[in-house]
Structures are given as C-alpha cells and as structure tokens.
Amino acid sequence: MANSRAALGVGIIAVGVLLLLGKLGVFGNIGGVLWPFFLLVPGIALHVLYFARILPVGVLVPGGILTVYALLFFYCGIFGWDSLSYLWPVFPLGVAVGLYELYVFGHERGVLIAALILTSISVIFLAINLIFTIGIYLVAAALIVGGIYLLKSRSSSRMW
C-alpha cells in the first residue's frame, strides 16, 4: 500500500512538472524542431523491418519517402521554413529515393525509369532555384572582380 502511494505521489509530481514546463514553453520550442522524428522513426523502422525480412520490399517506397521528408523538415525547422520556398523540389526527390530503393532491392525494372525522371526533375528545379537564389551574388562578385581587374590593369599600364 505504501509503495502504491509513493508511486502515485511521484506520478502526480511528474505530471505537475510536465505541466509547468509546458506552460513555460519548453516543449513548444523542442517540439517545433524535433517533430520530424515522428516521420523519421517510421521511415527507418520500415527499412529495418524490410532488412530483417519481416516486411516485403514494397515498404521501402514509403520508408524512403518518410526518411527524406523528415530530413527536409529537420532542415527547415533549424534554418527556417522560408527555405522551403527553394527546397520544394525535394518532395519529388523523396518519391524518387523510395522508387530507387525498390529498384535496387526488389529488382523492379520499370521503377528505375520513374525514379530517374523524378530525380532529374528535382535536380533541374533545385539548380534553377539555386541560380535564382544566389544569382545576384554571382553577378555582384563578377562586377567586383571585373572592377578590380580594370583598376589593376589601368595602374599597371601607367609607367611613373
């Protein structure tokens, strides 16, 4: 009887501490960054269950998708969700990863073409987004280098 009262007391204290920490915003900050674990854990679990020969090869497709999306969401949670405006091509890339795993481990020939098409689309759009995102910096750097070159060549052409 005394043990059950002690366990109940510890449980009530733990609930109180959790409520207090929740009101202080501790879980909101942690949960805002760590929630992609709810996608990563099932994605990795599907891979583990396939390689343990418990589930069929088809589970690699959602496993690959969940894993890639979880990594994308971790990145966005850490570096800001505005980065999703140029990382959106990762969504079809997640499907491509799952299909490629199905090709490699399931020896399904038809899915390789789909995986390559989705990968190509993703890489093309990621490159376009990269060019438009950092393109102005490249133009500015080229102008600075060109200006320095003109100043150097003008001063070296003068003989004092």
N, C-alpha and C. Protein backbone atom coordinates (compact mmCIF):
# COMPACT_ATOMS: atom_id res chain seq x y z
N MET A 1 0.81 -1.19 0.00
CA MET A 1 0.00 0.00 0.00
C MET A 1 0.86 1.26 0.00
N ALA A 2 1.95 1.25 0.77
CA ALA A 2 2.83 2.41 0.86
C ALA A 2 3.55 2.63 -0.47
N ASN A 3 3.92 1.51 -1.14
CA ASN A 3 4.59 1.64 -2.44
C ASN A 3 3.67 2.26 -3.48
N SER A 4 2.39 1.89 -3.47
CA SER A 4 1.46 2.44 -4.46
C SER A 4 1.22 3.93 -4.19
N ARG A 5 1.20 4.34 -2.90
CA ARG A 5 1.04 5.77 -2.59
C ARG A 5 2.26 6.56 -3.03
N ALA A 6 3.45 5.97 -2.85
CA ALA A 6 4.67 6.65 -3.27
C ALA A 6 4.72 6.77 -4.80
N ALA A 7 4.32 5.72 -5.49
CA ALA A 7 4.31 5.76 -6.95
C ALA A 7 3.30 6.79 -7.44
N LEU A 8 2.15 6.85 -6.80
CA LEU A 8 1.13 7.84 -7.17
C LEU A 8 1.64 9.25 -6.91
N GLY A 9 2.33 9.44 -5.80
CA GLY A 9 2.89 10.76 -5.48
C GLY A 9 3.93 11.19 -6.51
N VAL A 10 4.82 10.26 -6.89
CA VAL A 10 5.83 10.57 -7.90
C VAL A 10 5.16 10.87 -9.24
N GLY A 11 4.13 10.12 -9.58
CA GLY A 11 3.41 10.35 -10.83
C GLY A 11 2.75 11.72 -10.86
N ILE A 12 2.13 12.11 -9.73
CA ILE A 12 1.49 13.42 -9.66
C ILE A 12 2.53 14.54 -9.76
N ILE A 13 3.68 14.36 -9.11
CA ILE A 13 4.76 15.36 -9.21
C ILE A 13 5.26 15.46 -10.64
N ALA A 14 5.43 14.33 -11.31
CA ALA A 14 5.91 14.33 -12.70
C ALA A 14 4.93 15.04 -13.62
N VAL A 15 3.63 14.78 -13.43
CA VAL A 15 2.62 15.46 -14.24
C VAL A 15 2.65 16.97 -13.97
N GLY A 16 2.80 17.35 -12.72
CA GLY A 16 2.89 18.77 -12.38
C GLY A 16 4.09 19.45 -13.03
N VAL A 17 5.23 18.77 -12.97
CA VAL A 17 6.45 19.33 -13.58
C VAL A 17 6.27 19.45 -15.09
N LEU A 18 5.69 18.43 -15.71
CA LEU A 18 5.47 18.47 -17.15
C LEU A 18 4.51 19.61 -17.53
N LEU A 19 3.45 19.79 -16.74
CA LEU A 19 2.53 20.89 -17.00
C LEU A 19 3.22 22.24 -16.85
N LEU A 20 4.03 22.38 -15.82
CA LEU A 20 4.75 23.63 -15.60
C LEU A 20 5.72 23.91 -16.74
N LEU A 21 6.47 22.91 -17.15
CA LEU A 21 7.40 23.09 -18.27
C LEU A 21 6.65 23.41 -19.56
N GLY A 22 5.49 22.80 -19.73
CA GLY A 22 4.69 23.09 -20.91
C GLY A 22 4.20 24.53 -20.93
N LYS A 23 3.78 25.03 -19.78
CA LYS A 23 3.32 26.42 -19.70
C LYS A 23 4.48 27.40 -19.90
N LEU A 24 5.69 27.00 -19.55
CA LEU A 24 6.86 27.86 -19.75
C LEU A 24 7.37 27.83 -21.18
N GLY A 25 6.79 26.96 -22.01
CA GLY A 25 7.14 26.93 -23.43
C GLY A 25 8.30 26.01 -23.78
N VAL A 26 8.74 25.20 -22.84
CA VAL A 26 9.87 24.32 -23.11
C VAL A 26 9.53 23.32 -24.21
N PHE A 27 8.36 22.72 -24.13
CA PHE A 27 8.01 21.68 -25.10
C PHE A 27 7.67 22.27 -26.46
N GLY A 28 7.17 23.49 -26.47
CA GLY A 28 6.86 24.13 -27.75
C GLY A 28 8.11 24.36 -28.57
N ASN A 29 9.17 24.81 -27.91
CA ASN A 29 10.42 25.05 -28.63
C ASN A 29 11.07 23.75 -29.08
N ILE A 30 11.09 22.78 -28.19
CA ILE A 30 11.69 21.48 -28.53
C ILE A 30 10.85 20.78 -29.59
N GLY A 31 9.54 20.79 -29.40
CA GLY A 31 8.65 20.12 -30.34
C GLY A 31 8.66 20.78 -31.71
N GLY A 32 8.91 22.07 -31.76
CA GLY A 32 8.96 22.77 -33.03
C GLY A 32 10.12 22.33 -33.91
N VAL A 33 11.16 21.80 -33.31
CA VAL A 33 12.33 21.36 -34.07
C VAL A 33 12.36 19.83 -34.20
N LEU A 34 11.90 19.13 -33.19
CA LEU A 34 12.06 17.68 -33.16
C LEU A 34 10.86 16.89 -33.67
N TRP A 35 9.77 17.54 -34.09
CA TRP A 35 8.60 16.79 -34.53
C TRP A 35 8.87 15.92 -35.76
N PRO A 36 9.85 16.23 -36.63
CA PRO A 36 10.08 15.33 -37.76
C PRO A 36 10.52 13.92 -37.35
N PHE A 37 10.87 13.72 -36.07
CA PHE A 37 11.16 12.36 -35.61
C PHE A 37 9.95 11.45 -35.80
N PHE A 38 8.74 12.05 -35.79
CA PHE A 38 7.53 11.25 -36.00
C PHE A 38 7.44 10.73 -37.44
N LEU A 39 8.21 11.31 -38.34
CA LEU A 39 8.32 10.79 -39.70
C LEU A 39 9.57 9.93 -39.87
N LEU A 40 10.66 10.35 -39.24
CA LEU A 40 11.93 9.65 -39.39
C LEU A 40 11.89 8.25 -38.78
N VAL A 41 11.32 8.13 -37.60
CA VAL A 41 11.28 6.83 -36.91
C VAL A 41 10.51 5.79 -37.71
N PRO A 42 9.30 6.09 -38.22
CA PRO A 42 8.63 5.08 -39.05
C PRO A 42 9.37 4.79 -40.35
N GLY A 43 10.00 5.82 -40.93
CA GLY A 43 10.76 5.59 -42.16
C GLY A 43 11.91 4.63 -41.95
N ILE A 44 12.65 4.84 -40.88
CA ILE A 44 13.77 3.94 -40.57
C ILE A 44 13.24 2.57 -40.13
N ALA A 45 12.13 2.57 -39.41
CA ALA A 45 11.55 1.29 -38.96
C ALA A 45 11.13 0.44 -40.15
N LEU A 46 10.57 1.05 -41.18
CA LEU A 46 10.20 0.30 -42.38
C LEU A 46 11.43 -0.32 -43.05
N HIS A 47 12.53 0.43 -43.06
CA HIS A 47 13.77 -0.12 -43.61
C HIS A 47 14.27 -1.29 -42.77
N VAL A 48 14.27 -1.10 -41.46
CA VAL A 48 14.75 -2.16 -40.57
C VAL A 48 13.89 -3.42 -40.71
N LEU A 49 12.58 -3.23 -40.77
CA LEU A 49 11.69 -4.38 -40.90
C LEU A 49 11.85 -5.09 -42.24
N TYR A 50 12.18 -4.33 -43.29
CA TYR A 50 12.44 -5.00 -44.57
C TYR A 50 13.75 -5.80 -44.50
N PHE A 51 14.80 -5.18 -43.99
CA PHE A 51 16.09 -5.87 -43.95
C PHE A 51 16.10 -7.01 -42.94
N ALA A 52 15.17 -7.02 -42.01
CA ALA A 52 15.02 -8.15 -41.08
C ALA A 52 14.15 -9.24 -41.70
N ARG A 53 13.72 -9.02 -42.93
CA ARG A 53 12.90 -9.98 -43.70
C ARG A 53 11.53 -10.20 -43.05
N ILE A 54 11.01 -9.15 -42.42
CA ILE A 54 9.68 -9.23 -41.81
C ILE A 54 8.63 -8.68 -42.77
N LEU A 55 8.96 -7.59 -43.46
CA LEU A 55 8.03 -6.97 -44.39
C LEU A 55 8.53 -7.11 -45.83
N PRO A 56 7.64 -7.01 -46.83
CA PRO A 56 8.06 -7.15 -48.23
C PRO A 56 8.79 -5.90 -48.72
N VAL A 57 9.36 -6.00 -49.90
CA VAL A 57 10.20 -4.96 -50.47
C VAL A 57 9.43 -3.66 -50.73
N GLY A 58 8.14 -3.75 -50.91
CA GLY A 58 7.34 -2.57 -51.21
C GLY A 58 7.34 -1.52 -50.12
N VAL A 59 7.67 -1.89 -48.89
CA VAL A 59 7.68 -0.92 -47.79
C VAL A 59 8.86 0.04 -47.89
N LEU A 60 9.81 -0.24 -48.78
CA LEU A 60 10.94 0.67 -48.94
C LEU A 60 10.51 1.98 -49.59
N VAL A 61 9.45 1.95 -50.39
CA VAL A 61 8.99 3.19 -51.03
C VAL A 61 8.50 4.19 -49.99
N PRO A 62 7.52 3.85 -49.15
CA PRO A 62 7.14 4.83 -48.12
C PRO A 62 8.25 5.07 -47.11
N GLY A 63 9.10 4.08 -46.86
CA GLY A 63 10.22 4.28 -45.95
C GLY A 63 11.19 5.33 -46.47
N GLY A 64 11.51 5.26 -47.75
CA GLY A 64 12.39 6.26 -48.35
C GLY A 64 11.76 7.64 -48.37
N ILE A 65 10.47 7.69 -48.69
CA ILE A 65 9.76 8.97 -48.73
C ILE A 65 9.75 9.61 -47.34
N LEU A 66 9.37 8.86 -46.33
CA LEU A 66 9.30 9.40 -44.97
C LEU A 66 10.67 9.86 -44.47
N THR A 67 11.71 9.11 -44.80
CA THR A 67 13.05 9.47 -44.34
C THR A 67 13.52 10.77 -44.99
N VAL A 68 13.33 10.90 -46.30
CA VAL A 68 13.76 12.12 -47.00
C VAL A 68 12.96 13.32 -46.51
N TYR A 69 11.64 13.16 -46.37
CA TYR A 69 10.82 14.27 -45.91
C TYR A 69 11.19 14.68 -44.49
N ALA A 70 11.49 13.71 -43.63
CA ALA A 70 11.88 14.04 -42.25
C ALA A 70 13.17 14.86 -42.25
N LEU A 71 14.13 14.47 -43.08
CA LEU A 71 15.39 15.24 -43.15
C LEU A 71 15.14 16.65 -43.67
N LEU A 72 14.25 16.78 -44.66
CA LEU A 72 13.89 18.11 -45.18
C LEU A 72 13.24 18.95 -44.08
N PHE A 73 12.33 18.35 -43.32
CA PHE A 73 11.64 19.10 -42.27
C PHE A 73 12.58 19.44 -41.12
N PHE A 74 13.55 18.59 -40.82
CA PHE A 74 14.57 18.94 -39.83
C PHE A 74 15.33 20.18 -40.28
N TYR A 75 15.75 20.18 -41.55
CA TYR A 75 16.49 21.32 -42.09
C TYR A 75 15.66 22.60 -41.98
N CYS A 76 14.40 22.51 -42.38
CA CYS A 76 13.52 23.69 -42.33
C CYS A 76 13.26 24.12 -40.89
N GLY A 77 13.14 23.18 -39.98
CA GLY A 77 12.93 23.53 -38.58
C GLY A 77 14.12 24.24 -37.98
N ILE A 78 15.31 23.90 -38.43
CA ILE A 78 16.53 24.50 -37.88
C ILE A 78 16.84 25.83 -38.57
N PHE A 79 16.77 25.85 -39.90
CA PHE A 79 17.20 27.03 -40.66
C PHE A 79 16.06 27.93 -41.11
N GLY A 80 14.84 27.59 -40.77
CA GLY A 80 13.70 28.44 -41.11
C GLY A 80 12.86 27.86 -42.23
N TRP A 81 11.55 28.02 -42.07
CA TRP A 81 10.63 27.42 -43.03
C TRP A 81 10.58 28.19 -44.34
N ASP A 82 11.16 29.38 -44.38
CA ASP A 82 11.22 30.09 -45.65
C ASP A 82 12.15 29.40 -46.64
N SER A 83 13.06 28.56 -46.14
CA SER A 83 13.94 27.81 -47.04
C SER A 83 13.18 26.78 -47.87
N LEU A 84 11.96 26.46 -47.45
CA LEU A 84 11.14 25.53 -48.22
C LEU A 84 10.73 26.14 -49.56
N SER A 85 10.81 27.46 -49.68
CA SER A 85 10.45 28.11 -50.94
C SER A 85 11.42 27.74 -52.06
N TYR A 86 12.65 27.37 -51.74
CA TYR A 86 13.57 26.91 -52.78
C TYR A 86 13.93 25.44 -52.63
N LEU A 87 13.51 24.79 -51.57
CA LEU A 87 13.79 23.36 -51.40
C LEU A 87 12.59 22.48 -51.74
N TRP A 88 11.52 23.05 -52.27
CA TRP A 88 10.33 22.26 -52.58
C TRP A 88 10.61 21.12 -53.57
N PRO A 89 11.63 21.19 -54.45
CA PRO A 89 11.87 20.03 -55.32
C PRO A 89 12.32 18.77 -54.59
N VAL A 90 12.57 18.86 -53.30
CA VAL A 90 12.95 17.68 -52.54
C VAL A 90 11.74 16.74 -52.39
N PHE A 91 10.52 17.27 -52.51
CA PHE A 91 9.34 16.41 -52.38
C PHE A 91 9.30 15.33 -53.47
N PRO A 92 9.44 15.67 -54.75
CA PRO A 92 9.50 14.56 -55.73
C PRO A 92 10.77 13.73 -55.58
N LEU A 93 11.84 14.32 -55.05
CA LEU A 93 13.07 13.56 -54.83
C LEU A 93 12.85 12.48 -53.78
N GLY A 94 12.02 12.74 -52.78
CA GLY A 94 11.70 11.72 -51.78
C GLY A 94 11.02 10.51 -52.40
N VAL A 95 10.10 10.76 -53.32
CA VAL A 95 9.45 9.65 -54.03
C VAL A 95 10.48 8.91 -54.88
N ALA A 96 11.38 9.66 -55.52
CA ALA A 96 12.42 9.04 -56.35
C ALA A 96 13.32 8.14 -55.51
N VAL A 97 13.66 8.56 -54.30
CA VAL A 97 14.50 7.74 -53.43
C VAL A 97 13.80 6.43 -53.08
N GLY A 98 12.51 6.53 -52.74
CA GLY A 98 11.75 5.31 -52.43
C GLY A 98 11.67 4.37 -53.62
N LEU A 99 11.42 4.92 -54.81
CA LEU A 99 11.35 4.08 -56.00
C LEU A 99 12.71 3.47 -56.34
N TYR A 100 13.78 4.23 -56.14
CA TYR A 100 15.12 3.70 -56.41
C TYR A 100 15.45 2.55 -55.46
N GLU A 101 15.06 2.68 -54.22
CA GLU A 101 15.27 1.57 -53.27
C GLU A 101 14.49 0.33 -53.71
N LEU A 102 13.29 0.55 -54.22
CA LEU A 102 12.51 -0.58 -54.72
C LEU A 102 13.21 -1.23 -55.91
N TYR A 103 13.84 -0.42 -56.75
CA TYR A 103 14.58 -0.96 -57.89
C TYR A 103 15.80 -1.75 -57.42
N VAL A 104 16.56 -1.19 -56.51
CA VAL A 104 17.81 -1.83 -56.08
C VAL A 104 17.54 -3.13 -55.32
N PHE A 105 16.60 -3.09 -54.38
CA PHE A 105 16.40 -4.26 -53.53
C PHE A 105 15.30 -5.20 -54.03
N GLY A 106 14.40 -4.69 -54.87
CA GLY A 106 13.31 -5.51 -55.36
C GLY A 106 13.48 -5.93 -56.81
N HIS A 107 14.51 -5.38 -57.46
CA HIS A 107 14.83 -5.70 -58.85
C HIS A 107 13.63 -5.46 -59.78
N GLU A 108 12.92 -4.37 -59.53
CA GLU A 108 11.80 -3.96 -60.37
C GLU A 108 12.35 -3.02 -61.44
N ARG A 109 12.36 -3.45 -62.68
CA ARG A 109 12.98 -2.67 -63.76
C ARG A 109 12.22 -1.39 -64.09
N GLY A 110 10.90 -1.43 -64.10
CA GLY A 110 10.12 -0.28 -64.52
C GLY A 110 10.24 0.92 -63.61
N VAL A 111 10.49 0.71 -62.34
CA VAL A 111 10.53 1.83 -61.41
C VAL A 111 11.82 2.63 -61.53
N LEU A 112 12.85 2.06 -62.13
CA LEU A 112 14.09 2.82 -62.32
C LEU A 112 13.86 4.03 -63.20
N ILE A 113 13.10 3.85 -64.26
CA ILE A 113 12.82 4.97 -65.17
C ILE A 113 12.07 6.07 -64.43
N ALA A 114 11.07 5.69 -63.65
CA ALA A 114 10.31 6.68 -62.88
C ALA A 114 11.21 7.38 -61.87
N ALA A 115 12.08 6.63 -61.22
CA ALA A 115 12.99 7.23 -60.24
C ALA A 115 13.95 8.21 -60.91
N LEU A 116 14.47 7.85 -62.08
CA LEU A 116 15.39 8.73 -62.79
C LEU A 116 14.69 9.99 -63.29
N ILE A 117 13.46 9.85 -63.76
CA ILE A 117 12.71 11.03 -64.22
C ILE A 117 12.44 11.97 -63.05
N LEU A 118 11.98 11.44 -61.93
CA LEU A 118 11.72 12.29 -60.77
C LEU A 118 13.00 12.92 -60.23
N THR A 119 14.09 12.17 -60.24
CA THR A 119 15.36 12.72 -59.79
C THR A 119 15.81 13.84 -60.70
N SER A 120 15.68 13.64 -62.01
CA SER A 120 16.08 14.67 -62.97
C SER A 120 15.26 15.94 -62.78
N ILE A 121 13.96 15.78 -62.62
CA ILE A 121 13.10 16.94 -62.41
C ILE A 121 13.50 17.68 -61.14
N SER A 122 13.74 16.94 -60.08
CA SER A 122 14.13 17.55 -58.81
C SER A 122 15.46 18.28 -58.92
N VAL A 123 16.44 17.65 -59.55
CA VAL A 123 17.76 18.27 -59.67
C VAL A 123 17.68 19.52 -60.54
N ILE A 124 16.92 19.47 -61.63
CA ILE A 124 16.78 20.63 -62.51
C ILE A 124 16.16 21.80 -61.75
N PHE A 125 15.06 21.53 -61.04
CA PHE A 125 14.41 22.62 -60.32
C PHE A 125 15.24 23.11 -59.13
N LEU A 126 15.98 22.22 -58.48
CA LEU A 126 16.88 22.68 -57.42
C LEU A 126 17.98 23.57 -57.99
N ALA A 127 18.51 23.22 -59.17
CA ALA A 127 19.54 24.05 -59.80
C ALA A 127 18.97 25.40 -60.21
N ILE A 128 17.76 25.41 -60.77
CA ILE A 128 17.13 26.68 -61.14
C ILE A 128 16.92 27.55 -59.91
N ASN A 129 16.41 26.95 -58.84
CA ASN A 129 16.22 27.71 -57.61
C ASN A 129 17.53 28.23 -57.06
N LEU A 130 18.58 27.43 -57.15
CA LEU A 130 19.89 27.87 -56.68
C LEU A 130 20.40 29.03 -57.51
N ILE A 131 20.23 28.96 -58.82
CA ILE A 131 20.69 30.05 -59.69
C ILE A 131 19.94 31.33 -59.37
N PHE A 132 18.60 31.24 -59.21
CA PHE A 132 17.83 32.44 -58.91
C PHE A 132 18.07 32.94 -57.50
N THR A 133 18.42 32.05 -56.58
CA THR A 133 18.66 32.46 -55.20
C THR A 133 20.02 33.13 -55.04
N ILE A 134 21.07 32.53 -55.61
CA ILE A 134 22.40 33.11 -55.43
C ILE A 134 22.90 33.81 -56.69
N GLY A 135 22.06 33.88 -57.71
CA GLY A 135 22.48 34.51 -58.96
C GLY A 135 22.91 35.95 -58.79
N ILE A 136 22.20 36.72 -57.99
CA ILE A 136 22.54 38.12 -57.79
C ILE A 136 23.89 38.26 -57.10
N TYR A 137 24.21 37.31 -56.23
CA TYR A 137 25.52 37.34 -55.57
C TYR A 137 26.64 37.04 -56.56
N LEU A 138 26.38 36.13 -57.49
CA LEU A 138 27.37 35.83 -58.52
C LEU A 138 27.59 37.04 -59.42
N VAL A 139 26.51 37.73 -59.78
CA VAL A 139 26.63 38.94 -60.60
C VAL A 139 27.41 40.01 -59.85
N ALA A 140 27.10 40.20 -58.57
CA ALA A 140 27.81 41.20 -57.77
C ALA A 140 29.29 40.86 -57.65
N ALA A 141 29.60 39.58 -57.42
CA ALA A 141 31.01 39.17 -57.32
C ALA A 141 31.73 39.37 -58.64
N ALA A 142 31.07 39.06 -59.76
CA ALA A 142 31.69 39.26 -61.07
C ALA A 142 31.95 40.74 -61.33
N LEU A 143 31.03 41.61 -60.95
CA LEU A 143 31.24 43.04 -61.12
C LEU A 143 32.40 43.55 -60.26
N ILE A 144 32.48 43.06 -59.03
CA ILE A 144 33.58 43.47 -58.15
C ILE A 144 34.92 43.02 -58.71
N VAL A 145 35.00 41.76 -59.14
CA VAL A 145 36.25 41.23 -59.70
C VAL A 145 36.61 41.98 -60.98
N GLY A 146 35.61 42.24 -61.82
CA GLY A 146 35.87 42.99 -63.06
C GLY A 146 36.36 44.39 -62.78
N GLY A 147 35.77 45.06 -61.79
CA GLY A 147 36.22 46.40 -61.43
C GLY A 147 37.64 46.41 -60.90
N ILE A 148 37.95 45.43 -60.06
CA ILE A 148 39.32 45.33 -59.53
C ILE A 148 40.31 45.07 -60.66
N TYR A 149 39.92 44.22 -61.61
CA TYR A 149 40.79 43.93 -62.75
C TYR A 149 41.05 45.20 -63.57
N LEU A 150 39.98 45.99 -63.80
CA LEU A 150 40.16 47.23 -64.56
C LEU A 150 41.06 48.20 -63.82
N LEU A 151 40.89 48.31 -62.51
CA LEU A 151 41.75 49.20 -61.74
C LEU A 151 43.20 48.73 -61.76
N LYS A 152 43.42 47.44 -61.63
CA LYS A 152 44.78 46.90 -61.64
C LYS A 152 45.43 47.08 -63.01
N SER A 153 44.68 46.79 -64.06
CA SER A 153 45.27 46.88 -65.41
C SER A 153 45.54 48.33 -65.78
N ARG A 154 44.75 49.27 -65.29
CA ARG A 154 44.97 50.67 -65.58
C ARG A 154 46.20 51.17 -64.85
N SER A 155 46.38 50.75 -63.59
CA SER A 155 47.54 51.22 -62.82
C SER A 155 48.82 50.56 -63.31
N SER A 156 48.75 49.35 -63.84
CA SER A 156 49.97 48.72 -64.32
C SER A 156 50.34 49.21 -65.71
N SER A 157 49.40 49.78 -66.45
CA SER A 157 49.73 50.28 -67.77
C SER A 157 50.41 51.66 -67.70
N ARG A 158 50.21 52.37 -66.62
CA ARG A 158 50.89 53.66 -66.42
C ARG A 158 52.30 53.42 -65.93
N MET A 159 53.20 54.06 -66.53
CA MET A 159 54.58 53.98 -66.05
C MET A 159 54.94 55.33 -65.40
N TRP A 160 55.24 55.31 -64.14
CA TRP A 160 55.58 56.53 -63.43
C TRP A 160 57.02 56.77 -63.51
